[in-house]
Amino acid sequence: MSERCPYCGGDIEINHDDGYGYSEYEIHQQECGNCGKSFAFTTSSVIYYHLKKADCLNDGEHSYQETITYPRRYTKLKCLQCGDEKPLPDERPYLINGEDRATSGAIGQP
């Protein structure tokens, strides 16, 4: 994000090397690459919330879907409404003789 120097009006790119300048409630300093004058700046963050219904938290049913992972043995079930996760049931169709299809060379792996 480009800002303007408070002295010369030139374009300034705030330097955040090594995380510098991100702390809120602090006054940071930087030098203008155009006019050479130093200036001070503060940082503020904005947080947005996106609200949605989660009927499963209110006596409704969870909408579980398998996560997409590789290798497949790390797949879980995750609710699309509330984000709850649980392991797959004991029947693991993606395993052949206890081996992950993705590494066993099986055809038609999910």
PDB file of N, CA and C in Angstrom:
ATOM      1  N   MET A   1       0.855  -1.178   0.000  1.00  0.00           N
ATOM      2  CA  MET A   1       0.000   0.000   0.000  1.00  0.00           C
ATOM      3  C   MET A   1       0.892   1.230   0.000  1.00  0.00           C
ATOM      4  N   SER A   2       0.636   2.125  -0.875  1.00  0.00           N
ATOM      5  CA  SER A   2       1.464   3.306  -1.015  1.00  0.00           C
ATOM      6  C   SER A   2       0.844   4.486  -0.263  1.00  0.00           C
ATOM      7  N   GLU A   3       1.684   5.195   0.448  1.00  0.00           N
ATOM      8  CA  GLU A   3       1.268   6.392   1.197  1.00  0.00           C
ATOM      9  C   GLU A   3       2.004   7.596   0.612  1.00  0.00           C
ATOM     10  N   ARG A   4       1.732   8.779   1.136  1.00  0.00           N
ATOM     11  CA  ARG A   4       2.376  10.018   0.688  1.00  0.00           C
ATOM     12  C   ARG A   4       3.224  10.604   1.809  1.00  0.00           C
ATOM     13  N   CYS A   5       4.430  11.056   1.473  1.00  0.00           N
ATOM     14  CA  CYS A   5       5.317  11.696   2.448  1.00  0.00           C
ATOM     15  C   CYS A   5       4.641  12.962   2.971  1.00  0.00           C
ATOM     16  N   PRO A   6       4.628  13.168   4.298  1.00  0.00           N
ATOM     17  CA  PRO A   6       4.005  14.373   4.847  1.00  0.00           C
ATOM     18  C   PRO A   6       4.788  15.653   4.533  1.00  0.00           C
ATOM     19  N   TYR A   7       6.027  15.532   4.030  1.00  0.00           N
ATOM     20  CA  TYR A   7       6.838  16.709   3.696  1.00  0.00           C
ATOM     21  C   TYR A   7       6.787  17.043   2.209  1.00  0.00           C
ATOM     22  N   CYS A   8       7.132  16.089   1.353  1.00  0.00           N
ATOM     23  CA  CYS A   8       7.241  16.387  -0.075  1.00  0.00           C
ATOM     24  C   CYS A   8       6.071  15.850  -0.893  1.00  0.00           C
ATOM     25  N   GLY A   9       5.231  15.016  -0.301  1.00  0.00           N
ATOM     26  CA  GLY A   9       4.084  14.458  -1.018  1.00  0.00           C
ATOM     27  C   GLY A   9       4.438  13.296  -1.934  1.00  0.00           C
ATOM     28  N   GLY A  10       5.710  12.881  -1.915  1.00  0.00           N
ATOM     29  CA  GLY A  10       6.128  11.767  -2.761  1.00  0.00           C
ATOM     30  C   GLY A  10       5.576  10.439  -2.262  1.00  0.00           C
ATOM     31  N   ASP A  11       5.520   9.484  -3.167  1.00  0.00           N
ATOM     32  CA  ASP A  11       5.038   8.146  -2.801  1.00  0.00           C
ATOM     33  C   ASP A  11       5.988   7.490  -1.803  1.00  0.00           C
ATOM     34  N   ILE A  12       5.404   6.901  -0.779  1.00  0.00           N
ATOM     35  CA  ILE A  12       6.159   6.209   0.275  1.00  0.00           C
ATOM     36  C   ILE A  12       5.622   4.799   0.380  1.00  0.00           C
ATOM     37  N   GLU A  13       6.485   3.842   0.413  1.00  0.00           N
ATOM     38  CA  GLU A  13       6.114   2.459   0.712  1.00  0.00           C
ATOM     39  C   GLU A  13       6.596   2.208   2.136  1.00  0.00           C
ATOM     40  N   ILE A  14       5.661   1.987   3.065  1.00  0.00           N
ATOM     41  CA  ILE A  14       6.040   1.757   4.459  1.00  0.00           C
ATOM     42  C   ILE A  14       6.845   0.463   4.532  1.00  0.00           C
ATOM     43  N   ASN A  15       7.992   0.540   5.188  1.00  0.00           N
ATOM     44  CA  ASN A  15       8.920  -0.583   5.287  1.00  0.00           C
ATOM     45  C   ASN A  15       8.529  -1.472   6.465  1.00  0.00           C
ATOM     46  N   HIS A  16       8.162  -2.719   6.174  1.00  0.00           N
ATOM     47  CA  HIS A  16       7.802  -3.671   7.213  1.00  0.00           C
ATOM     48  C   HIS A  16       8.802  -4.815   7.301  1.00  0.00           C
ATOM     49  N   ASP A  17      10.060  -4.556   6.941  1.00  0.00           N
ATOM     50  CA  ASP A  17      11.087  -5.595   7.040  1.00  0.00           C
ATOM     51  C   ASP A  17      11.135  -6.137   8.462  1.00  0.00           C
ATOM     52  N   ASP A  18      11.211  -7.447   8.568  1.00  0.00           N
ATOM     53  CA  ASP A  18      11.278  -8.126   9.873  1.00  0.00           C
ATOM     54  C   ASP A  18      10.101  -7.792  10.771  1.00  0.00           C
ATOM     55  N   GLY A  19       8.950  -7.418  10.189  1.00  0.00           N
ATOM     56  CA  GLY A  19       7.753  -7.152  10.974  1.00  0.00           C
ATOM     57  C   GLY A  19       7.687  -5.756  11.577  1.00  0.00           C
ATOM     58  N   TYR A  20       8.683  -4.903  11.286  1.00  0.00           N
ATOM     59  CA  TYR A  20       8.699  -3.550  11.835  1.00  0.00           C
ATOM     60  C   TYR A  20       7.493  -2.761  11.343  1.00  0.00           C
ATOM     61  N   GLY A  21       6.914  -1.981  12.237  1.00  0.00           N
ATOM     62  CA  GLY A  21       5.842  -1.074  11.863  1.00  0.00           C
ATOM     63  C   GLY A  21       4.440  -1.653  11.927  1.00  0.00           C
ATOM     64  N   TYR A  22       4.312  -2.907  12.329  1.00  0.00           N
ATOM     65  CA  TYR A  22       2.980  -3.501  12.428  1.00  0.00           C
ATOM     66  C   TYR A  22       2.345  -3.310  13.803  1.00  0.00           C
ATOM     67  N   SER A  23       3.140  -3.080  14.826  1.00  0.00           N
ATOM     68  CA  SER A  23       2.609  -2.956  16.182  1.00  0.00           C
ATOM     69  C   SER A  23       1.725  -1.718  16.306  1.00  0.00           C
ATOM     70  N   GLU A  24       0.523  -1.954  16.825  1.00  0.00           N
ATOM     71  CA  GLU A  24      -0.372  -0.835  17.079  1.00  0.00           C
ATOM     72  C   GLU A  24       0.037  -0.171  18.395  1.00  0.00           C
ATOM     73  N   TYR A  25      -0.435   1.015  18.618  1.00  0.00           N
ATOM     74  CA  TYR A  25      -0.190   1.783  19.848  1.00  0.00           C
ATOM     75  C   TYR A  25       1.276   2.166  20.006  1.00  0.00           C
ATOM     76  N   GLU A  26       2.054   2.145  18.934  1.00  0.00           N
ATOM     77  CA  GLU A  26       3.439   2.597  18.952  1.00  0.00           C
ATOM     78  C   GLU A  26       3.629   3.613  17.839  1.00  0.00           C
ATOM     79  N   ILE A  27       4.576   4.515  18.036  1.00  0.00           N
ATOM     80  CA  ILE A  27       4.938   5.459  16.985  1.00  0.00           C
ATOM     81  C   ILE A  27       6.202   4.922  16.315  1.00  0.00           C
ATOM     82  N   HIS A  28       6.125   4.727  15.014  1.00  0.00           N
ATOM     83  CA  HIS A  28       7.241   4.200  14.236  1.00  0.00           C
ATOM     84  C   HIS A  28       7.864   5.332  13.431  1.00  0.00           C
ATOM     85  N   GLN A  29       9.111   5.139  12.986  1.00  0.00           N
ATOM     86  CA  GLN A  29       9.811   6.166  12.223  1.00  0.00           C
ATOM     87  C   GLN A  29      10.350   5.586  10.927  1.00  0.00           C
ATOM     88  N   GLN A  30      10.378   6.423   9.898  1.00  0.00           N
ATOM     89  CA  GLN A  30      10.937   6.017   8.615  1.00  0.00           C
ATOM     90  C   GLN A  30      11.422   7.262   7.893  1.00  0.00           C
ATOM     91  N   GLU A  31      12.355   7.074   6.988  1.00  0.00           N
ATOM     92  CA  GLU A  31      12.879   8.180   6.198  1.00  0.00           C
ATOM     93  C   GLU A  31      12.293   8.126   4.791  1.00  0.00           C
ATOM     94  N   CYS A  32      11.947   9.283   4.251  1.00  0.00           N
ATOM     95  CA  CYS A  32      11.414   9.375   2.899  1.00  0.00           C
ATOM     96  C   CYS A  32      12.551   9.158   1.900  1.00  0.00           C
ATOM     97  N   GLY A  33      12.336   8.271   0.952  1.00  0.00           N
ATOM     98  CA  GLY A  33      13.346   8.006  -0.070  1.00  0.00           C
ATOM     99  C   GLY A  33      13.441   9.109  -1.102  1.00  0.00           C
ATOM    100  N   ASN A  34      12.471  10.017  -1.119  1.00  0.00           N
ATOM    101  CA  ASN A  34      12.473  11.116  -2.096  1.00  0.00           C
ATOM    102  C   ASN A  34      13.176  12.361  -1.564  1.00  0.00           C
ATOM    103  N   CYS A  35      12.752  12.839  -0.385  1.00  0.00           N
ATOM    104  CA  CYS A  35      13.307  14.093   0.139  1.00  0.00           C
ATOM    105  C   CYS A  35      14.309  13.870   1.266  1.00  0.00           C
ATOM    106  N   GLY A  36      14.391  12.664   1.794  1.00  0.00           N
ATOM    107  CA  GLY A  36      15.377  12.361   2.842  1.00  0.00           C
ATOM    108  C   GLY A  36      14.942  12.758   4.244  1.00  0.00           C
ATOM    109  N   LYS A  37      13.761  13.335   4.398  1.00  0.00           N
ATOM    110  CA  LYS A  37      13.300  13.728   5.733  1.00  0.00           C
ATOM    111  C   LYS A  37      12.660  12.530   6.431  1.00  0.00           C
ATOM    112  N   SER A  38      12.824  12.495   7.750  1.00  0.00           N
ATOM    113  CA  SER A  38      12.219  11.433   8.560  1.00  0.00           C
ATOM    114  C   SER A  38      10.819  11.843   8.968  1.00  0.00           C
ATOM    115  N   PHE A  39       9.958  10.881   9.075  1.00  0.00           N
ATOM    116  CA  PHE A  39       8.587  11.121   9.511  1.00  0.00           C
ATOM    117  C   PHE A  39       8.190  10.001  10.465  1.00  0.00           C
ATOM    118  N   ALA A  40       7.111  10.202  11.174  1.00  0.00           N
ATOM    119  CA  ALA A  40       6.602   9.205  12.123  1.00  0.00           C
ATOM    120  C   ALA A  40       5.260   8.700  11.613  1.00  0.00           C
ATOM    121  N   PHE A  41       4.934   7.447  11.981  1.00  0.00           N
ATOM    122  CA  PHE A  41       3.629   6.902  11.595  1.00  0.00           C
ATOM    123  C   PHE A  41       3.141   5.931  12.655  1.00  0.00           C
ATOM    124  N   THR A  42       1.850   5.764  12.707  1.00  0.00           N
ATOM    125  CA  THR A  42       1.228   4.761  13.573  1.00  0.00           C
ATOM    126  C   THR A  42       0.494   3.767  12.688  1.00  0.00           C
ATOM    127  N   THR A  43       0.209   2.619  13.238  1.00  0.00           N
ATOM    128  CA  THR A  43      -0.459   1.555  12.496  1.00  0.00           C
ATOM    129  C   THR A  43      -1.781   1.232  13.164  1.00  0.00           C
ATOM    130  N   SER A  44      -2.813   1.050  12.359  1.00  0.00           N
ATOM    131  CA  SER A  44      -4.086   0.594  12.907  1.00  0.00           C
ATOM    132  C   SER A  44      -4.611  -0.517  12.014  1.00  0.00           C
ATOM    133  N   SER A  45      -5.252  -1.484  12.627  1.00  0.00           N
ATOM    134  CA  SER A  45      -5.796  -2.632  11.911  1.00  0.00           C
ATOM    135  C   SER A  45      -7.310  -2.575  11.955  1.00  0.00           C
ATOM    136  N   VAL A  46      -7.927  -3.104  10.920  1.00  0.00           N
ATOM    137  CA  VAL A  46      -9.377  -3.180  10.847  1.00  0.00           C
ATOM    138  C   VAL A  46      -9.755  -4.654  10.794  1.00  0.00           C
ATOM    139  N   ILE A  47     -10.714  -5.047  11.608  1.00  0.00           N
ATOM    140  CA  ILE A  47     -11.179  -6.427  11.642  1.00  0.00           C
ATOM    141  C   ILE A  47     -12.616  -6.458  11.145  1.00  0.00           C
ATOM    142  N   TYR A  48     -12.878  -7.340  10.195  1.00  0.00           N
ATOM    143  CA  TYR A  48     -14.228  -7.517   9.673  1.00  0.00           C
ATOM    144  C   TYR A  48     -14.755  -8.872  10.137  1.00  0.00           C
ATOM    145  N   TYR A  49     -16.018  -8.924  10.431  1.00  0.00           N
ATOM    146  CA  TYR A  49     -16.677 -10.168  10.812  1.00  0.00           C
ATOM    147  C   TYR A  49     -17.712 -10.501   9.752  1.00  0.00           C
ATOM    148  N   HIS A  50     -17.764 -11.760   9.373  1.00  0.00           N
ATOM    149  CA  HIS A  50     -18.762 -12.229   8.418  1.00  0.00           C
ATOM    150  C   HIS A  50     -19.637 -13.244   9.150  1.00  0.00           C
ATOM    151  N   LEU A  51     -20.865 -12.877   9.408  1.00  0.00           N
ATOM    152  CA  LEU A  51     -21.786 -13.708  10.172  1.00  0.00           C
ATOM    153  C   LEU A  51     -22.610 -14.580   9.243  1.00  0.00           C
ATOM    154  N   LYS A  52     -22.861 -15.808   9.673  1.00  0.00           N
ATOM    155  CA  LYS A  52     -23.712 -16.704   8.897  1.00  0.00           C
ATOM    156  C   LYS A  52     -24.452 -17.626   9.848  1.00  0.00           C
ATOM    157  N   LYS A  53     -25.550 -18.161   9.369  1.00  0.00           N
ATOM    158  CA  LYS A  53     -26.330 -19.089  10.177  1.00  0.00           C
ATOM    159  C   LYS A  53     -25.551 -20.382  10.368  1.00  0.00           C
ATOM    160  N   ALA A  54     -25.700 -20.984  11.543  1.00  0.00           N
ATOM    161  CA  ALA A  54     -25.126 -22.294  11.845  1.00  0.00           C
ATOM    162  C   ALA A  54     -26.208 -23.076  12.589  1.00  0.00           C
ATOM    163  N   ASP A  55     -27.162 -23.573  11.834  1.00  0.00           N
ATOM    164  CA  ASP A  55     -28.293 -24.287  12.429  1.00  0.00           C
ATOM    165  C   ASP A  55     -27.843 -25.462  13.286  1.00  0.00           C
ATOM    166  N   CYS A  56     -26.695 -26.056  12.952  1.00  0.00           N
ATOM    167  CA  CYS A  56     -26.207 -27.208  13.715  1.00  0.00           C
ATOM    168  C   CYS A  56     -25.849 -26.824  15.157  1.00  0.00           C
ATOM    169  N   LEU A  57     -25.642 -25.555  15.432  1.00  0.00           N
ATOM    170  CA  LEU A  57     -25.378 -25.100  16.796  1.00  0.00           C
ATOM    171  C   LEU A  57     -26.673 -24.861  17.560  1.00  0.00           C
ATOM    172  N   ASN A  58     -27.774 -24.984  16.859  1.00  0.00           N
ATOM    173  CA  ASN A  58     -29.099 -24.739  17.441  1.00  0.00           C
ATOM    174  C   ASN A  58     -30.019 -25.920  17.189  1.00  0.00           C
ATOM    175  N   ASP A  59     -29.591 -27.090  17.577  1.00  0.00           N
ATOM    176  CA  ASP A  59     -30.369 -28.328  17.470  1.00  0.00           C
ATOM    177  C   ASP A  59     -30.573 -28.821  16.048  1.00  0.00           C
ATOM    178  N   GLY A  60     -29.878 -28.267  15.060  1.00  0.00           N
ATOM    179  CA  GLY A  60     -29.953 -28.758  13.686  1.00  0.00           C
ATOM    180  C   GLY A  60     -28.875 -29.806  13.449  1.00  0.00           C
ATOM    181  N   GLU A  61     -28.856 -30.360  12.259  1.00  0.00           N
ATOM    182  CA  GLU A  61     -27.880 -31.383  11.884  1.00  0.00           C
ATOM    183  C   GLU A  61     -26.613 -30.719  11.332  1.00  0.00           C
ATOM    184  N   HIS A  62     -25.463 -31.321  11.651  1.00  0.00           N
ATOM    185  CA  HIS A  62     -24.211 -30.862  11.051  1.00  0.00           C
ATOM    186  C   HIS A  62     -24.198 -31.247   9.577  1.00  0.00           C
ATOM    187  N   SER A  63     -23.512 -30.473   8.763  1.00  0.00           N
ATOM    188  CA  SER A  63     -23.329 -30.771   7.336  1.00  0.00           C
ATOM    189  C   SER A  63     -21.863 -31.139   7.120  1.00  0.00           C
ATOM    190  N   TYR A  64     -21.514 -32.381   7.472  1.00  0.00           N
ATOM    191  CA  TYR A  64     -20.124 -32.806   7.384  1.00  0.00           C
ATOM    192  C   TYR A  64     -19.732 -33.136   5.957  1.00  0.00           C
ATOM    193  N   GLN A  65     -18.508 -32.749   5.610  1.00  0.00           N
ATOM    194  CA  GLN A  65     -17.929 -33.074   4.315  1.00  0.00           C
ATOM    195  C   GLN A  65     -16.474 -33.448   4.560  1.00  0.00           C
ATOM    196  N   GLU A  66     -15.961 -34.398   3.767  1.00  0.00           N
ATOM    197  CA  GLU A  66     -14.565 -34.787   3.917  1.00  0.00           C
ATOM    198  C   GLU A  66     -13.656 -33.634   3.517  1.00  0.00           C
ATOM    199  N   THR A  67     -12.579 -33.446   4.292  1.00  0.00           N
ATOM    200  CA  THR A  67     -11.583 -32.455   3.931  1.00  0.00           C
ATOM    201  C   THR A  67     -10.746 -32.993   2.778  1.00  0.00           C
ATOM    202  N   ILE A  68     -10.126 -32.118   2.040  1.00  0.00           N
ATOM    203  CA  ILE A  68      -9.268 -32.525   0.924  1.00  0.00           C
ATOM    204  C   ILE A  68      -7.834 -32.458   1.422  1.00  0.00           C
ATOM    205  N   THR A  69      -7.239 -33.620   1.605  1.00  0.00           N
ATOM    206  CA  THR A  69      -5.882 -33.685   2.139  1.00  0.00           C
ATOM    207  C   THR A  69      -5.049 -34.681   1.358  1.00  0.00           C
ATOM    208  N   TYR A  70      -3.744 -34.525   1.460  1.00  0.00           N
ATOM    209  CA  TYR A  70      -2.815 -35.492   0.891  1.00  0.00           C
ATOM    210  C   TYR A  70      -1.691 -35.682   1.888  1.00  0.00           C
ATOM    211  N   PRO A  71      -1.323 -36.856   2.270  1.00  0.00           N
ATOM    212  CA  PRO A  71      -1.969 -38.090   1.857  1.00  0.00           C
ATOM    213  C   PRO A  71      -3.361 -38.206   2.462  1.00  0.00           C
ATOM    214  N   ARG A  72      -4.155 -38.996   1.806  1.00  0.00           N
ATOM    215  CA  ARG A  72      -5.581 -39.132   2.130  1.00  0.00           C
ATOM    216  C   ARG A  72      -5.829 -39.607   3.553  1.00  0.00           C
ATOM    217  N   ARG A  73      -4.877 -40.293   4.156  1.00  0.00           N
ATOM    218  CA  ARG A  73      -5.102 -40.828   5.507  1.00  0.00           C
ATOM    219  C   ARG A  73      -5.327 -39.722   6.546  1.00  0.00           C
ATOM    220  N   TYR A  74      -5.009 -38.482   6.206  1.00  0.00           N
ATOM    221  CA  TYR A  74      -5.216 -37.361   7.137  1.00  0.00           C
ATOM    222  C   TYR A  74      -6.576 -36.693   6.951  1.00  0.00           C
ATOM    223  N   THR A  75      -7.409 -37.255   6.094  1.00  0.00           N
ATOM    224  CA  THR A  75      -8.743 -36.707   5.845  1.00  0.00           C
ATOM    225  C   THR A  75      -9.600 -36.779   7.101  1.00  0.00           C
ATOM    226  N   LYS A  76     -10.356 -35.708   7.339  1.00  0.00           N
ATOM    227  CA  LYS A  76     -11.305 -35.632   8.452  1.00  0.00           C
ATOM    228  C   LYS A  76     -12.659 -35.250   7.879  1.00  0.00           C
ATOM    229  N   LEU A  77     -13.654 -35.244   8.734  1.00  0.00           N
ATOM    230  CA  LEU A  77     -14.961 -34.703   8.375  1.00  0.00           C
ATOM    231  C   LEU A  77     -15.067 -33.323   9.008  1.00  0.00           C
ATOM    232  N   LYS A  78     -15.493 -32.328   8.229  1.00  0.00           N
ATOM    233  CA  LYS A  78     -15.606 -30.960   8.725  1.00  0.00           C
ATOM    234  C   LYS A  78     -16.990 -30.429   8.391  1.00  0.00           C
ATOM    235  N   CYS A  79     -17.643 -29.834   9.397  1.00  0.00           N
ATOM    236  CA  CYS A  79     -18.975 -29.262   9.193  1.00  0.00           C
ATOM    237  C   CYS A  79     -18.850 -27.964   8.393  1.00  0.00           C
ATOM    238  N   LEU A  80     -19.628 -27.867   7.329  1.00  0.00           N
ATOM    239  CA  LEU A  80     -19.590 -26.685   6.472  1.00  0.00           C
ATOM    240  C   LEU A  80     -20.208 -25.462   7.141  1.00  0.00           C
ATOM    241  N   GLN A  81     -21.033 -25.678   8.172  1.00  0.00           N
ATOM    242  CA  GLN A  81     -21.705 -24.559   8.832  1.00  0.00           C
ATOM    243  C   GLN A  81     -20.890 -23.976   9.979  1.00  0.00           C
ATOM    244  N   CYS A  82     -20.379 -24.850  10.874  1.00  0.00           N
ATOM    245  CA  CYS A  82     -19.739 -24.350  12.094  1.00  0.00           C
ATOM    246  C   CYS A  82     -18.240 -24.640  12.174  1.00  0.00           C
ATOM    247  N   GLY A  83     -17.706 -25.470  11.258  1.00  0.00           N
ATOM    248  CA  GLY A  83     -16.281 -25.762  11.262  1.00  0.00           C
ATOM    249  C   GLY A  83     -15.866 -26.896  12.181  1.00  0.00           C
ATOM    250  N   ASP A  84     -16.824 -27.540  12.874  1.00  0.00           N
ATOM    251  CA  ASP A  84     -16.510 -28.671  13.742  1.00  0.00           C
ATOM    252  C   ASP A  84     -15.842 -29.764  12.923  1.00  0.00           C
ATOM    253  N   GLU A  85     -14.812 -30.397  13.496  1.00  0.00           N
ATOM    254  CA  GLU A  85     -14.124 -31.489  12.815  1.00  0.00           C
ATOM    255  C   GLU A  85     -14.203 -32.749  13.645  1.00  0.00           C
ATOM    256  N   LYS A  86     -14.262 -33.877  12.944  1.00  0.00           N
ATOM    257  CA  LYS A  86     -14.237 -35.166  13.622  1.00  0.00           C
ATOM    258  C   LYS A  86     -13.540 -36.159  12.700  1.00  0.00           C
ATOM    259  N   PRO A  87     -12.993 -37.233  13.281  1.00  0.00           N
ATOM    260  CA  PRO A  87     -12.319 -38.226  12.440  1.00  0.00           C
ATOM    261  C   PRO A  87     -13.317 -38.969  11.575  1.00  0.00           C
ATOM    262  N   LEU A  88     -12.805 -39.560  10.507  1.00  0.00           N
ATOM    263  CA  LEU A  88     -13.646 -40.408   9.661  1.00  0.00           C
ATOM    264  C   LEU A  88     -14.091 -41.621  10.456  1.00  0.00           C
ATOM    265  N   PRO A  89     -15.203 -42.233  10.084  1.00  0.00           N
ATOM    266  CA  PRO A  89     -15.614 -43.468  10.756  1.00  0.00           C
ATOM    267  C   PRO A  89     -14.543 -44.548  10.573  1.00  0.00           C
ATOM    268  N   ASP A  90     -14.632 -45.620  11.337  1.00  0.00           N
ATOM    269  CA  ASP A  90     -13.626 -46.668  11.284  1.00  0.00           C
ATOM    270  C   ASP A  90     -13.494 -47.304   9.916  1.00  0.00           C
ATOM    271  N   GLU A  91     -14.587 -47.333   9.130  1.00  0.00           N
ATOM    272  CA  GLU A  91     -14.468 -47.867   7.783  1.00  0.00           C
ATOM    273  C   GLU A  91     -13.768 -46.808   6.952  1.00  0.00           C
ATOM    274  N   ARG A  92     -12.582 -47.084   6.508  1.00  0.00           N
ATOM    275  CA  ARG A  92     -11.818 -46.122   5.723  1.00  0.00           C
ATOM    276  C   ARG A  92     -11.644 -46.680   4.310  1.00  0.00           C
ATOM    277  N   PRO A  93     -12.594 -46.382   3.421  1.00  0.00           N
ATOM    278  CA  PRO A  93     -12.564 -46.957   2.082  1.00  0.00           C
ATOM    279  C   PRO A  93     -11.354 -46.544   1.259  1.00  0.00           C
ATOM    280  N   TYR A  94     -10.629 -45.513   1.695  1.00  0.00           N
ATOM    281  CA  TYR A  94      -9.483 -45.083   0.918  1.00  0.00           C
ATOM    282  C   TYR A  94      -8.241 -45.908   1.228  1.00  0.00           C
ATOM    283  N   LEU A  95      -8.339 -46.855   2.184  1.00  0.00           N
ATOM    284  CA  LEU A  95      -7.201 -47.704   2.512  1.00  0.00           C
ATOM    285  C   LEU A  95      -7.350 -49.076   1.855  1.00  0.00           C
ATOM    286  N   ILE A  96      -6.267 -49.611   1.356  1.00  0.00           N
ATOM    287  CA  ILE A  96      -6.236 -50.964   0.809  1.00  0.00           C
ATOM    288  C   ILE A  96      -5.251 -51.752   1.661  1.00  0.00           C
ATOM    289  N   ASN A  97      -5.749 -52.751   2.388  1.00  0.00           N
ATOM    290  CA  ASN A  97      -4.901 -53.544   3.287  1.00  0.00           C
ATOM    291  C   ASN A  97      -4.101 -52.652   4.233  1.00  0.00           C
ATOM    292  N   GLY A  98      -4.745 -51.590   4.728  1.00  0.00           N
ATOM    293  CA  GLY A  98      -4.097 -50.689   5.671  1.00  0.00           C
ATOM    294  C   GLY A  98      -3.136 -49.714   5.026  1.00  0.00           C
ATOM    295  N   GLU A  99      -3.040 -49.728   3.688  1.00  0.00           N
ATOM    296  CA  GLU A  99      -2.107 -48.836   2.998  1.00  0.00           C
ATOM    297  C   GLU A  99      -2.884 -47.775   2.232  1.00  0.00           C
ATOM    298  N   ASP A 100      -2.368 -46.561   2.245  1.00  0.00           N
ATOM    299  CA  ASP A 100      -3.012 -45.447   1.563  1.00  0.00           C
ATOM    300  C   ASP A 100      -3.002 -45.679   0.058  1.00  0.00           C
ATOM    301  N   ARG A 101      -4.165 -45.567  -0.602  1.00  0.00           N
ATOM    302  CA  ARG A 101      -4.248 -45.761  -2.046  1.00  0.00           C
ATOM    303  C   ARG A 101      -3.307 -44.818  -2.788  1.00  0.00           C
ATOM    304  N   ALA A 102      -3.137 -43.613  -2.268  1.00  0.00           N
ATOM    305  CA  ALA A 102      -2.313 -42.638  -2.953  1.00  0.00           C
ATOM    306  C   ALA A 102      -0.855 -43.087  -3.048  1.00  0.00           C
ATOM    307  N   THR A 103      -0.428 -43.968  -2.159  1.00  0.00           N
ATOM    308  CA  THR A 103       0.954 -44.430  -2.221  1.00  0.00           C
ATOM    309  C   THR A 103       1.056 -45.873  -2.657  1.00  0.00           C
ATOM    310  N   SER A 104      -0.069 -46.591  -2.809  1.00  0.00           N
ATOM    311  CA  SER A 104      -0.024 -47.996  -3.146  1.00  0.00           C
ATOM    312  C   SER A 104      -0.125 -48.250  -4.643  1.00  0.00           C
ATOM    313  N   GLY A 105      -0.394 -47.212  -5.434  1.00  0.00           N
ATOM    314  CA  GLY A 105      -0.516 -47.370  -6.864  1.00  0.00           C
ATOM    315  C   GLY A 105      -1.870 -47.900  -7.300  1.00  0.00           C
ATOM    316  N   ALA A 106      -2.874 -47.827  -6.414  1.00  0.00           N
ATOM    317  CA  ALA A 106      -4.214 -48.322  -6.744  1.00  0.00           C
ATOM    318  C   ALA A 106      -4.841 -47.433  -7.806  1.00  0.00           C
ATOM    319  N   ILE A 107      -5.647 -48.053  -8.665  1.00  0.00           N
ATOM    320  CA  ILE A 107      -6.335 -47.327  -9.723  1.00  0.00           C
ATOM    321  C   ILE A 107      -7.649 -46.801  -9.184  1.00  0.00           C
ATOM    322  N   GLY A 108      -8.010 -45.622  -9.627  1.00  0.00           N
ATOM    323  CA  GLY A 108      -9.293 -45.035  -9.257  1.00  0.00           C
ATOM    324  C   GLY A 108      -9.323 -44.519  -7.836  1.00  0.00           C
ATOM    325  N   GLN A 109      -8.195 -44.023  -7.352  1.00  0.00           N
ATOM    326  CA  GLN A 109      -8.173 -43.500  -5.982  1.00  0.00           C
ATOM    327  C   GLN A 109      -9.081 -42.307  -5.882  1.00  0.00           C
ATOM    328  N   PRO A 110      -9.706 -42.116  -4.716  1.00  0.00           N
ATOM    329  CA  PRO A 110     -10.604 -40.953  -4.558  1.00  0.00           C
ATOM    330  C   PRO A 110      -9.826 -39.666  -4.502  1.00  0.00           C
TER     331      PRO A 110
END
